[in-house]
Amino acid sequence: MFDETASNARQDMPVQGDAEKSAEVDSTPRATSVPETSPVSSDASASEAAEPEPVHAKAHYIDPDAGGVERGLTDTVPPCDTEPADETREGGVPGTTDRLRRAAERLGTAAAQFGTAAAETVTKGTKVVHDVVVEPDGPVQSAARKAGEAVSDTIADIPRARRFSQLGASLYATGAVTSHGGNISESDGESIWITRTNSMLGSLGSGDVIRTTFEPSETDAECSRELVVHRAMYHAYKTSLEEADVAFTGAAIVHAHTTDTIFRSLVEDEIALLESESAYTIDNPVKVYAPQVSIASPEAAGMLASAVANGARIAMLRRHGPFAIAPTLAEALRLVSVLEQTAKIANLRDATGRTFL
């Protein structure tokens, strides 16, 4: 029986009938063959058989011993159970071990650098902790403290500036001060914030409130001349609270040039509380002090400090004006305001010649 498929296969085969003749016809090499180890013999008795020669195959030829299978673009028939190739073995890829060695060296260098960086980080972190915890006056702690104080001061200065501005505007609007008269301050027991010398209370700016210390310092020159009086009153006020076992949480002072109050100081040694609000707010008649120099003198400061130590919260300097101290600026302003009100009533009484019922 004629087999058309087998006939076609035979037509495709070389003219020579065996593998040796086929190899002679296809003797021109088309691909470089690379020797490689062939599998070890399957004979179980040859446990240490010699490594066989690699089986070479020409590119694109028919292997009659393999049933006419066409080999592809393979230089060698890879043996079974071979180890990975390197340049130490026949047929290995040149330079593999060197590349692996260099890669391992780079990895080791990178690991060493990472370890060094980690050690430096730990060292720096330890120094920071040491500076902050062990050395409270160290450079890190000092810088952090200054930064914190600056932030706190900035946050606190915003509402303080608003308080000073609003209260100064009120004093000027009500005629309690002239354009450049009067002064106001606040203290927390460590610092004093006071209006700048020659400032205008009716239109205070951001640079018109000066911070100075509870004790005399070089920043005093920028402050109101009356700082000497304010400082003496704060010391007396704080001491009186401490003697009564009361914590000093802050205080404020208002000094005004109220017209009717000043007039009463020129004709009386104390200002009577003639109406109910002043009597309720101030309690006792306000004493008038008469130092030889009434403006910013140590004598005036001593007199008013003595008045505060004896419990007074507002006192009067003849020909100059009242000084009031209280926990807040608003409360100090109220003392000045009600004293002016009762002084005005007293002046109206004198002006009309009428007597009170």
Protein backbone atom coordinates (compact mmCIF):
# COMPACT_ATOMS: atom_id res chain seq x y z
CA MET A 1 0.00 0.00 0.00
CA PHE A 2 1.40 3.38 -1.00
CA ASP A 3 1.92 5.76 1.90
CA GLU A 4 1.86 9.29 0.56
CA THR A 5 3.00 10.79 3.87
CA ALA A 6 5.99 8.49 4.19
CA SER A 7 6.86 9.19 0.54
CA ASN A 8 6.87 12.94 1.19
CA ALA A 9 9.07 12.43 4.28
CA ARG A 10 11.51 10.38 2.27
CA GLN A 11 11.62 13.09 -0.42
CA ASP A 12 12.60 15.61 2.23
CA MET A 13 15.44 13.46 3.49
CA PRO A 14 19.01 13.83 2.11
CA VAL A 15 20.11 11.59 -0.80
CA GLN A 16 22.53 9.66 1.44
CA GLY A 17 20.90 6.88 3.40
CA ASP A 18 22.71 7.16 6.70
CA ALA A 19 23.65 9.81 9.25
CA GLU A 20 27.30 9.88 8.18
CA LYS A 21 26.43 10.80 4.57
CA SER A 22 23.92 13.36 5.82
CA ALA A 23 26.63 14.90 7.93
CA GLU A 24 28.96 15.09 4.92
CA VAL A 25 26.31 16.88 2.84
CA ASP A 26 25.60 19.34 5.63
CA SER A 27 29.24 19.83 6.55
CA THR A 28 29.18 23.65 6.47
CA PRO A 29 28.56 24.88 10.05
CA ARG A 30 25.61 27.21 10.47
CA ALA A 31 25.84 27.72 14.21
CA THR A 32 28.67 27.57 16.64
CA SER A 33 28.36 24.49 18.78
CA VAL A 34 29.23 24.78 22.47
CA PRO A 35 30.37 21.55 24.14
CA GLU A 36 28.26 20.49 27.06
CA THR A 37 28.18 17.46 29.29
CA SER A 38 25.89 14.60 28.24
CA PRO A 39 23.91 12.53 30.72
CA VAL A 40 25.69 9.84 32.76
CA SER A 41 25.16 6.28 31.44
CA SER A 42 22.01 4.61 32.64
CA ASP A 43 23.98 1.49 33.54
CA ALA A 44 23.37 1.12 37.30
CA SER A 45 26.60 -0.82 37.82
CA ALA A 46 28.74 2.12 36.63
CA SER A 47 28.32 4.32 39.71
CA GLU A 48 31.33 6.44 38.93
CA ALA A 49 31.09 6.49 35.15
CA ALA A 50 33.25 8.98 33.29
CA GLU A 51 31.59 12.16 32.18
CA PRO A 52 30.35 11.51 28.60
CA GLU A 53 31.15 13.72 25.66
CA PRO A 54 28.44 16.22 24.77
CA VAL A 55 26.10 15.28 21.93
CA HIS A 56 26.43 17.83 19.15
CA ALA A 57 23.65 18.69 16.75
CA LYS A 58 23.90 20.75 13.59
CA ALA A 59 21.42 23.52 13.08
CA HIS A 60 18.35 22.48 11.05
CA TYR A 61 19.02 18.91 10.17
CA ILE A 62 17.06 15.64 10.28
CA ASP A 63 18.29 13.14 12.86
CA PRO A 64 17.53 9.69 11.43
CA ASP A 65 18.42 8.00 14.73
CA ALA A 66 15.66 9.99 16.42
CA GLY A 67 12.96 8.95 13.99
CA GLY A 68 13.46 11.83 11.59
CA VAL A 69 13.08 14.59 14.20
CA GLU A 70 14.22 18.00 12.97
CA ARG A 71 16.64 19.71 15.34
CA GLY A 72 16.23 23.48 15.91
CA LEU A 73 18.77 26.27 16.41
CA THR A 74 20.45 24.39 19.22
CA ASP A 75 24.18 23.94 19.27
CA THR A 76 24.11 21.00 21.65
CA VAL A 77 21.62 18.58 23.02
CA PRO A 78 21.53 19.53 26.71
CA PRO A 79 22.37 16.62 28.98
CA CYS A 80 20.11 15.72 31.92
CA ASP A 81 20.78 16.49 35.56
CA THR A 82 23.54 19.00 34.81
CA GLU A 83 24.73 21.59 37.35
CA PRO A 84 24.35 25.33 36.68
CA ALA A 85 27.07 26.53 34.34
CA ASP A 86 29.82 28.91 35.36
CA GLU A 87 33.14 29.84 33.89
CA THR A 88 34.93 27.03 35.80
CA ARG A 89 32.98 24.40 33.90
CA GLU A 90 33.27 23.61 30.24
CA GLY A 91 30.50 25.38 28.39
CA GLY A 92 29.81 27.88 31.21
CA VAL A 93 29.15 31.60 30.74
CA PRO A 94 32.44 33.50 31.15
CA GLY A 95 32.64 36.04 34.05
CA THR A 96 29.65 34.75 36.07
CA THR A 97 31.62 34.15 39.26
CA ASP A 98 33.34 37.54 39.00
CA ARG A 99 30.03 39.30 38.59
CA LEU A 100 28.54 37.47 41.54
CA ARG A 101 31.61 38.31 43.61
CA ARG A 102 31.42 42.00 42.70
CA ALA A 103 27.67 42.06 43.44
CA ALA A 104 28.33 40.48 46.83
CA GLU A 105 31.04 43.03 47.54
CA ARG A 106 28.70 45.92 46.65
CA LEU A 107 25.98 44.44 48.86
CA GLY A 108 28.46 44.14 51.71
CA THR A 109 29.59 47.76 51.24
CA ALA A 110 25.99 48.99 51.23
CA ALA A 111 25.24 47.02 54.39
CA ALA A 112 28.30 48.51 56.09
CA GLN A 113 27.26 52.04 55.09
CA PHE A 114 23.75 51.43 56.40
CA GLY A 115 25.16 50.20 59.69
CA THR A 116 27.37 53.27 60.01
CA ALA A 117 24.44 55.62 59.29
CA ALA A 118 22.26 53.81 61.82
CA ALA A 119 24.98 54.06 64.45
CA GLU A 120 25.39 57.81 63.79
CA THR A 121 21.62 58.31 64.06
CA VAL A 122 21.51 56.50 67.39
CA THR A 123 24.47 58.56 68.62
CA LYS A 124 22.81 61.84 67.61
CA GLY A 125 19.51 60.76 69.15
CA THR A 126 21.26 59.85 72.37
CA LYS A 127 22.94 63.27 72.44
CA VAL A 128 19.59 65.03 71.97
CA VAL A 129 18.05 63.04 74.82
CA HIS A 130 21.13 63.73 76.94
CA ASP A 131 21.00 67.47 76.26
CA VAL A 132 17.28 67.70 77.02
CA VAL A 133 17.02 65.35 79.99
CA VAL A 134 20.46 65.18 81.56
CA GLU A 135 21.64 68.71 80.77
CA PRO A 136 18.69 71.10 81.23
CA ASP A 137 20.96 74.00 80.31
CA GLY A 138 22.43 72.28 77.26
CA PRO A 139 22.32 73.86 73.78
CA VAL A 140 19.33 71.84 72.59
CA GLN A 141 17.32 72.52 75.72
CA SER A 142 18.23 76.21 75.61
CA ALA A 143 17.22 76.57 71.97
CA ALA A 144 13.97 74.68 72.56
CA ARG A 145 13.17 76.82 75.60
CA LYS A 146 13.81 80.06 73.72
CA ALA A 147 11.69 78.88 70.77
CA GLY A 148 8.88 77.89 73.13
CA GLU A 149 9.03 81.22 74.93
CA ALA A 150 8.95 83.10 71.62
CA VAL A 151 5.88 81.16 70.49
CA SER A 152 4.15 81.65 73.86
CA ASP A 153 4.93 85.37 73.87
CA THR A 154 3.60 85.77 70.34
CA ILE A 155 0.38 83.95 71.17
CA ALA A 156 -0.10 85.94 74.39
CA ASP A 157 0.84 89.28 72.81
CA ILE A 158 -2.11 89.20 70.40
CA PRO A 159 -4.90 89.38 73.02
CA ARG A 160 -2.74 91.63 75.24
CA ALA A 161 -2.29 94.16 72.44
CA ARG A 162 -6.04 94.08 71.87
CA ARG A 163 -6.74 94.70 75.57
CA PHE A 164 -4.30 97.59 75.74
CA SER A 165 -5.67 99.14 72.56
CA GLN A 166 -9.31 98.90 73.62
CA LEU A 167 -8.72 100.20 77.13
CA GLY A 168 -6.51 103.06 75.92
CA ALA A 169 -9.16 104.06 73.39
CA SER A 170 -11.81 104.06 76.16
CA LEU A 171 -9.70 106.28 78.39
CA TYR A 172 -9.16 108.79 75.61
CA ALA A 173 -12.77 108.70 74.37
CA THR A 174 -14.12 109.47 77.86
CA GLY A 175 -11.68 112.32 78.43
CA ALA A 176 -9.80 110.45 81.17
CA VAL A 177 -6.47 111.24 79.44
CA THR A 178 -5.08 113.81 77.05
CA SER A 179 -3.52 112.84 73.72
CA HIS A 180 -0.24 111.66 75.28
CA GLY A 181 -1.25 111.39 78.95
CA GLY A 182 -1.78 108.39 81.20
CA ASN A 183 -0.30 104.90 81.18
CA ILE A 184 -1.43 101.31 81.69
CA SER A 185 0.35 98.03 82.46
CA GLU A 186 -0.02 94.32 83.23
CA SER A 187 2.18 91.92 85.19
CA ASP A 188 2.40 88.16 85.73
CA GLY A 189 4.78 88.46 88.69
CA GLU A 190 7.90 87.96 86.55
CA SER A 191 7.45 90.46 83.72
CA ILE A 192 5.71 93.80 83.31
CA TRP A 193 4.08 94.99 80.09
CA ILE A 194 3.62 98.75 80.08
CA THR A 195 2.84 101.43 77.52
CA ARG A 196 5.81 103.08 75.86
CA THR A 197 6.89 106.53 76.96
CA ASN A 198 5.07 109.34 75.09
CA SER A 199 2.64 106.85 73.52
CA MET A 200 -0.92 107.87 72.62
CA LEU A 201 -3.38 105.72 74.55
CA GLY A 202 -6.15 106.58 72.11
CA SER A 203 -4.32 104.92 69.21
CA LEU A 204 -1.84 102.39 70.55
CA GLY A 205 0.20 100.46 67.98
CA SER A 206 1.95 97.10 68.16
CA GLY A 207 5.20 98.74 69.28
CA ASP A 208 3.60 100.79 72.05
CA VAL A 209 3.52 97.97 74.62
CA ILE A 210 6.95 97.26 76.11
CA ARG A 211 7.89 94.16 78.05
CA THR A 212 10.30 94.59 80.95
CA THR A 213 11.20 92.67 84.09
CA PHE A 214 9.75 92.68 87.59
CA GLU A 215 13.04 94.20 88.74
CA PRO A 216 14.85 97.19 87.16
CA SER A 217 16.54 96.35 83.83
CA GLU A 218 17.98 97.93 80.68
CA THR A 219 14.60 97.75 78.91
CA ASP A 220 13.15 100.30 81.35
CA ALA A 221 14.32 103.20 79.17
CA GLU A 222 11.63 102.50 76.55
CA CYS A 223 8.84 102.28 79.10
CA SER A 224 6.58 104.97 80.51
CA ARG A 225 8.31 107.17 83.07
CA GLU A 226 5.75 105.99 85.61
CA LEU A 227 7.23 102.47 85.53
CA VAL A 228 8.88 103.16 88.88
CA VAL A 229 5.44 103.67 90.43
CA HIS A 230 3.88 100.65 88.66
CA ARG A 231 6.72 98.37 89.75
CA ALA A 232 6.47 99.47 93.40
CA MET A 233 2.70 98.91 93.42
CA TYR A 234 3.07 95.41 91.89
CA HIS A 235 5.62 94.40 94.52
CA ALA A 236 3.36 95.61 97.33
CA TYR A 237 0.31 93.90 95.82
CA LYS A 238 2.11 90.59 95.37
CA THR A 239 3.52 90.68 98.89
CA SER A 240 0.10 91.40 100.41
CA LEU A 241 -1.37 88.40 98.56
CA GLU A 242 1.43 86.10 99.65
CA GLU A 243 0.97 87.18 103.27
CA ALA A 244 -2.68 86.19 102.95
CA ASP A 245 -1.70 82.83 101.34
CA VAL A 246 -3.25 83.88 98.06
CA ALA A 247 -1.46 83.08 94.81
CA PHE A 248 -0.46 85.97 92.60
CA THR A 249 -1.99 85.14 89.20
CA GLY A 250 -1.55 88.55 87.60
CA ALA A 251 -2.51 92.18 88.01
CA ALA A 252 -3.00 95.40 86.04
CA ILE A 253 -2.62 99.14 86.71
CA VAL A 254 -4.38 102.10 85.15
CA HIS A 255 -3.16 105.65 85.64
CA ALA A 256 -5.39 108.44 84.29
CA HIS A 257 -5.63 112.21 84.38
CA THR A 258 -9.33 112.46 85.15
CA THR A 259 -10.38 116.12 85.44
CA ASP A 260 -12.84 116.08 88.32
CA THR A 261 -10.73 113.71 90.41
CA ILE A 262 -7.69 115.94 90.01
CA PHE A 263 -9.77 118.99 91.01
CA ARG A 264 -10.93 117.24 94.21
CA SER A 265 -7.29 116.42 95.05
CA LEU A 266 -6.54 120.15 95.00
CA VAL A 267 -9.14 121.00 97.63
CA GLU A 268 -9.32 117.89 99.85
CA ASP A 269 -7.02 115.34 101.44
CA GLU A 270 -9.37 112.51 100.60
CA ILE A 271 -12.15 111.97 98.13
CA ALA A 272 -15.48 110.96 99.61
CA LEU A 273 -17.63 108.29 97.98
CA LEU A 274 -20.88 110.15 97.50
CA GLU A 275 -22.91 107.76 95.37
CA SER A 276 -23.75 104.07 95.59
CA GLU A 277 -21.57 102.60 92.82
CA SER A 278 -18.36 104.13 94.14
CA ALA A 279 -19.24 103.13 97.69
CA TYR A 280 -19.88 99.55 96.52
CA THR A 281 -16.78 99.31 94.30
CA ILE A 282 -14.12 101.16 96.33
CA ASP A 283 -15.35 100.69 99.92
CA ASN A 284 -13.44 103.54 101.60
CA PRO A 285 -12.69 107.21 100.84
CA VAL A 286 -9.66 107.57 98.58
CA LYS A 287 -6.67 109.20 100.21
CA VAL A 288 -4.80 112.00 98.44
CA TYR A 289 -0.99 111.85 98.61
CA ALA A 290 1.17 114.91 98.06
CA PRO A 291 4.82 114.11 97.24
CA GLN A 292 7.14 116.97 96.36
CA VAL A 293 7.54 115.51 92.86
CA SER A 294 4.37 113.78 91.80
CA ILE A 295 5.47 112.49 88.38
CA ALA A 296 7.59 109.30 88.34
CA SER A 297 9.40 109.97 91.59
CA PRO A 298 10.64 107.36 94.06
CA GLU A 299 8.77 109.29 96.77
CA ALA A 300 5.47 108.96 94.90
CA ALA A 301 6.21 105.25 94.26
CA GLY A 302 6.80 104.66 97.98
CA MET A 303 3.58 106.43 98.98
CA LEU A 304 1.40 104.44 96.59
CA ALA A 305 3.12 101.14 97.45
CA SER A 306 2.34 101.84 101.11
CA ALA A 307 -1.31 102.50 100.23
CA VAL A 308 -1.53 99.16 98.35
CA ALA A 309 0.16 97.30 101.20
CA ASN A 310 -2.53 98.68 103.52
CA GLY A 311 -5.29 97.31 101.32
CA ALA A 312 -6.07 100.26 99.05
CA ARG A 313 -6.78 99.43 95.41
CA ILE A 314 -6.86 103.03 94.22
CA ALA A 315 -4.95 106.08 95.46
CA MET A 316 -4.61 109.69 94.38
CA LEU A 317 -1.56 111.89 93.73
CA ARG A 318 -2.32 115.57 94.17
CA ARG A 319 -2.32 117.52 90.92
CA HIS A 320 -1.50 114.35 88.98
CA GLY A 321 -4.25 111.75 88.98
CA PRO A 322 -5.37 108.35 90.30
CA PHE A 323 -3.51 105.01 90.16
CA ALA A 324 -5.68 101.88 90.38
CA ILE A 325 -4.52 98.25 90.70
CA ALA A 326 -6.72 95.19 90.17
CA PRO A 327 -6.56 91.63 88.79
CA THR A 328 -7.40 92.88 85.27
CA LEU A 329 -7.23 96.08 83.24
CA ALA A 330 -11.02 96.23 83.01
CA GLU A 331 -11.39 96.11 86.81
CA ALA A 332 -8.71 98.77 87.28
CA LEU A 333 -10.48 100.95 84.73
CA ARG A 334 -13.72 100.59 86.66
CA LEU A 335 -12.07 101.90 89.85
CA VAL A 336 -10.79 104.98 88.00
CA SER A 337 -14.15 105.53 86.32
CA VAL A 338 -16.33 105.37 89.44
CA LEU A 339 -13.89 107.60 91.37
CA GLU A 340 -14.21 110.19 88.61
CA GLN A 341 -18.00 109.89 88.80
CA THR A 342 -18.13 110.56 92.55
CA ALA A 343 -15.62 113.42 92.20
CA LYS A 344 -17.85 115.01 89.57
CA ILE A 345 -20.84 114.79 91.88
CA ALA A 346 -18.85 116.44 94.65
CA ASN A 347 -17.85 119.25 92.30
CA LEU A 348 -21.47 119.77 91.21
CA ARG A 349 -22.48 120.01 94.83
CA ASP A 350 -19.86 122.65 95.47
CA ALA A 351 -20.70 124.49 92.28
CA THR A 352 -24.42 124.71 93.09
CA GLY A 353 -24.01 125.32 96.80
CA ARG A 354 -26.62 122.75 97.45
CA THR A 355 -26.51 120.30 100.33
CA PHE A 356 -27.36 116.64 100.03
CA LEU A 357 -30.54 115.37 101.63
